């Protein structure tokens, strides 16, 4: 399985960006996907996750501003980021699990088997 992120960049505070992650190598769509981020000097943290049935979770810091979605037909994950803040500056990583049952929130890094290389998001004040 390969994951390739795109859509990062630089934006001013209050602006928006949409990240995409194309997944290849899956033979089914029953897997969870998520976005994680790592800011300089900090540990990587969960941003949002989405199951194959559409069930989502969000970090408190992004609730109401970010929206995660996926297109199973295209094996693509998205993260729409609105009202961006300087503290959102980080490298954003796409991650995916192997086959997982629905009905459970897979939110820990250890739950994820595959990772993209990351895309930089920089928000200036």
N, C-alpha and C. Protein backbone atom coordinates (compact mmCIF):
# COMPACT_ATOMS: atom_id res chain seq x y z
N UNK A 1 0.85 -1.19 0.00
CA UNK A 1 0.00 0.00 0.00
C UNK A 1 0.88 1.24 0.00
N UNK A 2 0.54 2.17 -0.86
CA UNK A 2 1.25 3.45 -0.90
C UNK A 2 0.29 4.60 -0.70
N UNK A 3 0.75 5.62 0.02
CA UNK A 3 -0.05 6.80 0.28
C UNK A 3 0.75 8.02 -0.18
N UNK A 4 0.12 8.87 -0.96
CA UNK A 4 0.80 10.06 -1.47
C UNK A 4 -0.06 11.28 -1.18
N UNK A 5 0.49 12.18 -0.36
CA UNK A 5 -0.22 13.40 0.00
C UNK A 5 0.06 14.52 -1.00
N UNK A 6 -0.88 15.44 -1.08
CA UNK A 6 -0.70 16.65 -1.87
C UNK A 6 -1.58 17.75 -1.28
N UNK A 7 -1.29 18.99 -1.67
CA UNK A 7 -2.15 20.10 -1.27
C UNK A 7 -1.61 20.98 -0.17
N UNK A 8 -0.46 20.66 0.38
CA UNK A 8 0.10 21.52 1.40
C UNK A 8 0.59 22.83 0.81
N UNK A 9 1.00 23.75 1.69
CA UNK A 9 1.51 25.02 1.22
C UNK A 9 1.50 26.05 2.33
N UNK A 10 1.64 27.30 1.92
CA UNK A 10 1.66 28.41 2.87
C UNK A 10 0.40 29.25 2.71
N UNK A 11 -0.13 29.67 3.83
CA UNK A 11 -1.35 30.46 3.80
C UNK A 11 -1.35 31.39 5.01
N UNK A 12 -2.08 32.48 4.90
CA UNK A 12 -2.19 33.39 6.04
C UNK A 12 -3.27 32.90 6.99
N UNK A 13 -3.15 33.32 8.23
CA UNK A 13 -4.15 32.96 9.25
C UNK A 13 -5.54 33.35 8.76
N UNK A 14 -6.48 32.44 9.00
CA UNK A 14 -7.84 32.65 8.53
C UNK A 14 -8.13 32.04 7.18
N UNK A 15 -7.07 31.63 6.49
CA UNK A 15 -7.23 31.05 5.17
C UNK A 15 -7.59 29.58 5.21
N UNK A 16 -7.64 28.98 4.01
CA UNK A 16 -8.05 27.58 3.88
C UNK A 16 -7.07 26.82 2.98
N UNK A 17 -7.00 25.54 3.22
CA UNK A 17 -6.24 24.62 2.38
C UNK A 17 -6.98 23.28 2.35
N UNK A 18 -6.84 22.55 1.25
CA UNK A 18 -7.37 21.20 1.20
C UNK A 18 -6.25 20.23 0.90
N UNK A 19 -6.08 19.27 1.76
CA UNK A 19 -5.10 18.21 1.56
C UNK A 19 -5.78 17.00 0.93
N UNK A 20 -5.02 16.31 0.10
CA UNK A 20 -5.50 15.06 -0.50
C UNK A 20 -4.49 13.96 -0.26
N UNK A 21 -4.97 12.74 -0.24
CA UNK A 21 -4.08 11.59 -0.08
C UNK A 21 -4.61 10.46 -0.96
N UNK A 22 -3.81 10.08 -1.93
CA UNK A 22 -4.19 9.01 -2.83
C UNK A 22 -3.60 7.70 -2.34
N UNK A 23 -4.46 6.71 -2.16
CA UNK A 23 -4.01 5.39 -1.69
C UNK A 23 -4.03 4.41 -2.85
N UNK A 24 -3.01 3.57 -2.90
CA UNK A 24 -2.96 2.53 -3.94
C UNK A 24 -2.50 1.23 -3.30
N UNK A 25 -2.94 0.14 -3.88
CA UNK A 25 -2.53 -1.17 -3.40
C UNK A 25 -3.56 -1.89 -2.57
N UNK A 26 -4.68 -1.21 -2.26
CA UNK A 26 -5.74 -1.87 -1.51
C UNK A 26 -6.60 -2.73 -2.43
N UNK A 27 -7.08 -3.85 -1.87
CA UNK A 27 -7.99 -4.71 -2.63
C UNK A 27 -9.42 -4.59 -2.13
N UNK A 28 -9.61 -3.87 -1.02
CA UNK A 28 -10.96 -3.60 -0.54
C UNK A 28 -10.97 -2.20 0.05
N UNK A 29 -12.15 -1.71 0.44
CA UNK A 29 -12.24 -0.36 1.01
C UNK A 29 -12.48 -0.40 2.52
N UNK A 30 -12.36 -1.57 3.13
CA UNK A 30 -12.67 -1.67 4.56
C UNK A 30 -11.43 -1.38 5.39
N UNK A 31 -11.01 -0.14 5.33
CA UNK A 31 -9.87 0.29 6.13
C UNK A 31 -10.12 1.71 6.59
N UNK A 32 -9.47 2.06 7.68
CA UNK A 32 -9.61 3.39 8.25
C UNK A 32 -8.47 4.27 7.74
N UNK A 33 -8.76 5.54 7.56
CA UNK A 33 -7.73 6.49 7.14
C UNK A 33 -7.74 7.66 8.09
N UNK A 34 -6.61 8.34 8.15
CA UNK A 34 -6.54 9.47 9.06
C UNK A 34 -5.46 10.45 8.67
N UNK A 35 -5.55 11.60 9.27
CA UNK A 35 -4.52 12.64 9.17
C UNK A 35 -3.91 12.85 10.54
N UNK A 36 -2.59 12.89 10.54
CA UNK A 36 -1.82 13.21 11.73
C UNK A 36 -0.91 14.38 11.38
N UNK A 37 -0.41 15.08 12.38
CA UNK A 37 0.51 16.18 12.11
C UNK A 37 1.59 16.25 13.17
N UNK A 38 2.71 16.82 12.75
CA UNK A 38 3.83 16.99 13.67
C UNK A 38 4.42 18.38 13.48
N UNK A 39 4.34 19.17 14.52
CA UNK A 39 4.92 20.50 14.52
C UNK A 39 6.36 20.42 15.00
N UNK A 40 7.18 21.40 14.65
CA UNK A 40 8.58 21.38 15.08
C UNK A 40 8.70 21.28 16.60
N UNK A 41 9.51 20.33 17.04
CA UNK A 41 9.75 20.17 18.47
C UNK A 41 8.64 19.49 19.23
N UNK A 42 7.62 19.02 18.52
CA UNK A 42 6.49 18.37 19.19
C UNK A 42 6.30 16.96 18.67
N UNK A 43 5.56 16.17 19.43
CA UNK A 43 5.25 14.82 19.00
C UNK A 43 4.13 14.85 17.95
N UNK A 44 4.09 13.81 17.16
CA UNK A 44 3.03 13.70 16.17
C UNK A 44 1.70 13.48 16.88
N UNK A 45 0.65 14.10 16.37
CA UNK A 45 -0.66 14.01 16.99
C UNK A 45 -1.73 13.74 15.94
N UNK A 46 -2.80 13.11 16.42
CA UNK A 46 -3.93 12.85 15.53
C UNK A 46 -4.67 14.14 15.23
N UNK A 47 -5.07 14.31 13.98
CA UNK A 47 -5.90 15.43 13.57
C UNK A 47 -7.34 14.96 13.37
N UNK A 48 -7.51 13.94 12.55
CA UNK A 48 -8.85 13.42 12.25
C UNK A 48 -8.73 12.03 11.65
N UNK A 49 -9.77 11.23 11.85
CA UNK A 49 -9.80 9.89 11.25
C UNK A 49 -11.18 9.64 10.66
N UNK A 50 -11.24 8.69 9.72
CA UNK A 50 -12.52 8.32 9.12
C UNK A 50 -12.50 6.84 8.77
N UNK A 51 -13.55 6.14 9.21
CA UNK A 51 -13.68 4.72 8.90
C UNK A 51 -14.24 4.54 7.49
N UNK A 52 -14.26 3.30 7.04
CA UNK A 52 -14.81 3.01 5.72
C UNK A 52 -16.32 3.25 5.69
N UNK A 53 -16.97 3.26 6.88
CA UNK A 53 -18.40 3.53 6.92
C UNK A 53 -18.70 5.01 7.12
N UNK A 54 -17.66 5.84 7.10
CA UNK A 54 -17.85 7.28 7.22
C UNK A 54 -17.79 7.83 8.63
N UNK A 55 -17.62 6.98 9.62
CA UNK A 55 -17.53 7.42 11.02
C UNK A 55 -16.24 8.23 11.18
N UNK A 56 -16.34 9.42 11.80
CA UNK A 56 -15.19 10.32 11.91
C UNK A 56 -14.86 10.66 13.36
N UNK A 57 -13.61 11.03 13.57
CA UNK A 57 -13.18 11.59 14.86
C UNK A 57 -12.30 12.79 14.55
N UNK A 58 -12.29 13.75 15.48
CA UNK A 58 -11.48 14.95 15.33
C UNK A 58 -10.78 15.27 16.64
N UNK A 59 -9.59 15.82 16.53
CA UNK A 59 -8.95 16.40 17.70
C UNK A 59 -9.72 17.64 18.11
N UNK A 60 -9.77 17.91 19.40
CA UNK A 60 -10.52 19.07 19.89
C UNK A 60 -10.02 20.37 19.26
N UNK A 61 -8.73 20.43 18.98
CA UNK A 61 -8.13 21.67 18.46
C UNK A 61 -8.59 22.01 17.05
N UNK A 62 -9.17 21.05 16.33
CA UNK A 62 -9.57 21.32 14.94
C UNK A 62 -11.07 21.18 14.72
N UNK A 63 -11.80 20.77 15.74
CA UNK A 63 -13.25 20.59 15.58
C UNK A 63 -13.91 21.89 15.15
N UNK A 64 -14.78 21.79 14.17
CA UNK A 64 -15.48 22.96 13.66
C UNK A 64 -14.71 23.72 12.60
N UNK A 65 -13.44 23.40 12.42
CA UNK A 65 -12.62 24.09 11.40
C UNK A 65 -12.16 23.14 10.28
N UNK A 66 -11.89 21.91 10.65
CA UNK A 66 -11.40 20.92 9.67
C UNK A 66 -12.48 19.89 9.39
N UNK A 67 -12.50 19.39 8.16
CA UNK A 67 -13.43 18.33 7.78
C UNK A 67 -12.68 17.24 7.03
N UNK A 68 -12.80 16.02 7.52
CA UNK A 68 -12.18 14.89 6.85
C UNK A 68 -13.24 14.17 6.03
N UNK A 69 -12.83 13.70 4.86
CA UNK A 69 -13.76 12.95 4.01
C UNK A 69 -12.96 11.98 3.15
N UNK A 70 -13.65 11.06 2.54
CA UNK A 70 -12.97 10.10 1.67
C UNK A 70 -13.87 9.71 0.51
N UNK A 71 -13.24 9.38 -0.58
CA UNK A 71 -13.94 8.89 -1.77
C UNK A 71 -13.45 7.47 -1.98
N UNK A 72 -14.26 6.50 -1.57
CA UNK A 72 -13.82 5.10 -1.65
C UNK A 72 -13.63 4.63 -3.09
N UNK A 73 -14.41 5.18 -4.01
CA UNK A 73 -14.27 4.78 -5.41
C UNK A 73 -12.91 5.19 -5.96
N UNK A 74 -12.39 6.31 -5.44
CA UNK A 74 -11.10 6.81 -5.90
C UNK A 74 -9.97 6.47 -4.93
N UNK A 75 -10.30 5.82 -3.82
CA UNK A 75 -9.29 5.53 -2.78
C UNK A 75 -8.54 6.79 -2.38
N UNK A 76 -9.26 7.85 -2.17
CA UNK A 76 -8.65 9.14 -1.86
C UNK A 76 -9.24 9.71 -0.58
N UNK A 77 -8.35 10.25 0.24
CA UNK A 77 -8.71 10.88 1.50
C UNK A 77 -8.50 12.38 1.36
N UNK A 78 -9.36 13.15 2.02
CA UNK A 78 -9.25 14.61 1.97
C UNK A 78 -9.27 15.19 3.38
N UNK A 79 -8.69 16.38 3.50
CA UNK A 79 -8.81 17.16 4.72
C UNK A 79 -9.01 18.61 4.32
N UNK A 80 -10.21 19.11 4.53
CA UNK A 80 -10.50 20.51 4.27
C UNK A 80 -10.22 21.29 5.53
N UNK A 81 -9.32 22.25 5.44
CA UNK A 81 -8.90 23.02 6.61
C UNK A 81 -9.31 24.47 6.43
N UNK A 82 -10.20 24.94 7.27
CA UNK A 82 -10.66 26.33 7.23
C UNK A 82 -10.23 27.05 8.49
N UNK A 83 -10.29 28.38 8.43
CA UNK A 83 -9.94 29.21 9.59
C UNK A 83 -8.60 28.78 10.18
N UNK A 84 -7.63 28.65 9.33
CA UNK A 84 -6.33 28.16 9.78
C UNK A 84 -5.66 29.14 10.73
N UNK A 85 -4.92 28.57 11.68
CA UNK A 85 -4.22 29.35 12.69
C UNK A 85 -2.72 29.05 12.62
N UNK A 86 -1.88 29.95 13.09
CA UNK A 86 -0.44 29.67 13.08
C UNK A 86 -0.09 28.36 13.80
N UNK A 87 -0.85 28.02 14.81
CA UNK A 87 -0.56 26.77 15.54
C UNK A 87 -0.93 25.51 14.75
N UNK A 88 -1.54 25.68 13.59
CA UNK A 88 -1.79 24.54 12.71
C UNK A 88 -0.57 24.22 11.85
N UNK A 89 0.45 25.05 11.91
CA UNK A 89 1.67 24.82 11.14
C UNK A 89 2.31 23.50 11.56
N UNK A 90 2.53 22.63 10.58
CA UNK A 90 3.07 21.30 10.87
C UNK A 90 3.27 20.55 9.56
N UNK A 91 3.92 19.43 9.66
CA UNK A 91 3.92 18.46 8.56
C UNK A 91 2.72 17.55 8.79
N UNK A 92 1.89 17.43 7.77
CA UNK A 92 0.67 16.63 7.86
C UNK A 92 0.90 15.30 7.16
N UNK A 93 0.58 14.22 7.86
CA UNK A 93 0.77 12.87 7.35
C UNK A 93 -0.57 12.18 7.14
N UNK A 94 -0.67 11.53 6.02
CA UNK A 94 -1.80 10.65 5.75
C UNK A 94 -1.44 9.26 6.26
N UNK A 95 -2.40 8.58 6.85
CA UNK A 95 -2.15 7.24 7.37
C UNK A 95 -3.36 6.35 7.09
N UNK A 96 -3.10 5.06 7.01
CA UNK A 96 -4.18 4.11 6.74
C UNK A 96 -3.91 2.80 7.47
N UNK A 97 -4.99 2.14 7.82
CA UNK A 97 -4.88 0.85 8.48
C UNK A 97 -4.95 -0.27 7.46
N UNK A 98 -4.68 -1.46 7.89
CA UNK A 98 -5.03 -2.62 7.10
C UNK A 98 -6.52 -2.88 7.34
N UNK A 99 -7.04 -3.99 6.86
CA UNK A 99 -8.46 -4.26 6.99
C UNK A 99 -8.92 -4.19 8.45
N UNK A 100 -9.95 -3.39 8.70
CA UNK A 100 -10.44 -3.17 10.06
C UNK A 100 -11.96 -3.26 10.07
N UNK A 101 -12.55 -3.77 11.15
CA UNK A 101 -14.02 -3.77 11.24
C UNK A 101 -14.55 -2.37 11.49
N UNK A 102 -15.74 -2.13 11.02
CA UNK A 102 -16.39 -0.85 11.28
C UNK A 102 -16.93 -0.81 12.70
N UNK A 103 -17.36 0.37 13.13
CA UNK A 103 -17.97 0.50 14.45
C UNK A 103 -16.98 0.79 15.56
N UNK A 104 -15.71 0.91 15.23
CA UNK A 104 -14.67 1.21 16.22
C UNK A 104 -13.90 2.42 15.73
N UNK A 105 -13.57 3.34 16.65
CA UNK A 105 -12.77 4.51 16.29
C UNK A 105 -11.29 4.16 16.42
N UNK A 106 -10.62 4.15 15.30
CA UNK A 106 -9.19 3.83 15.28
C UNK A 106 -8.43 5.16 15.33
N UNK A 107 -7.96 5.55 16.51
CA UNK A 107 -7.40 6.88 16.69
C UNK A 107 -5.94 6.92 17.09
N UNK A 108 -5.36 5.79 17.48
CA UNK A 108 -3.97 5.78 17.93
C UNK A 108 -3.02 5.59 16.75
N UNK A 109 -1.85 6.18 16.84
CA UNK A 109 -0.86 6.00 15.78
C UNK A 109 -0.56 4.52 15.56
N UNK A 110 -0.52 3.77 16.65
CA UNK A 110 -0.19 2.35 16.54
C UNK A 110 -1.23 1.55 15.77
N UNK A 111 -2.42 2.12 15.59
CA UNK A 111 -3.47 1.44 14.82
C UNK A 111 -3.19 1.48 13.32
N UNK A 112 -2.30 2.36 12.90
CA UNK A 112 -2.10 2.64 11.48
C UNK A 112 -0.86 1.93 10.95
N UNK A 113 -1.05 1.25 9.83
CA UNK A 113 0.00 0.40 9.27
C UNK A 113 0.78 1.07 8.14
N UNK A 114 0.17 2.04 7.51
CA UNK A 114 0.79 2.66 6.33
C UNK A 114 0.78 4.18 6.50
N UNK A 115 1.88 4.79 6.05
CA UNK A 115 2.05 6.23 6.22
C UNK A 115 2.58 6.86 4.94
N UNK A 116 2.09 8.08 4.68
CA UNK A 116 2.66 8.86 3.60
C UNK A 116 3.91 9.58 4.08
N UNK A 117 4.54 10.30 3.17
CA UNK A 117 5.78 11.01 3.51
C UNK A 117 5.53 12.35 4.17
N UNK A 118 4.32 12.85 4.07
CA UNK A 118 3.98 14.11 4.70
C UNK A 118 3.99 15.28 3.74
N UNK A 119 3.21 16.29 4.09
CA UNK A 119 3.17 17.52 3.32
C UNK A 119 3.17 18.69 4.30
N UNK A 120 3.95 19.72 4.00
CA UNK A 120 4.11 20.85 4.91
C UNK A 120 2.95 21.83 4.76
N UNK A 121 2.42 22.23 5.91
CA UNK A 121 1.42 23.30 5.97
C UNK A 121 1.99 24.38 6.87
N UNK A 122 2.07 25.59 6.33
CA UNK A 122 2.60 26.71 7.08
C UNK A 122 1.56 27.83 7.11
N UNK A 123 1.20 28.27 8.32
CA UNK A 123 0.20 29.33 8.48
C UNK A 123 0.89 30.52 9.15
N UNK A 124 0.87 31.64 8.45
CA UNK A 124 1.52 32.83 8.98
C UNK A 124 0.49 33.78 9.58
N UNK A 125 0.93 34.51 10.57
CA UNK A 125 0.01 35.43 11.27
C UNK A 125 -0.02 36.79 10.59
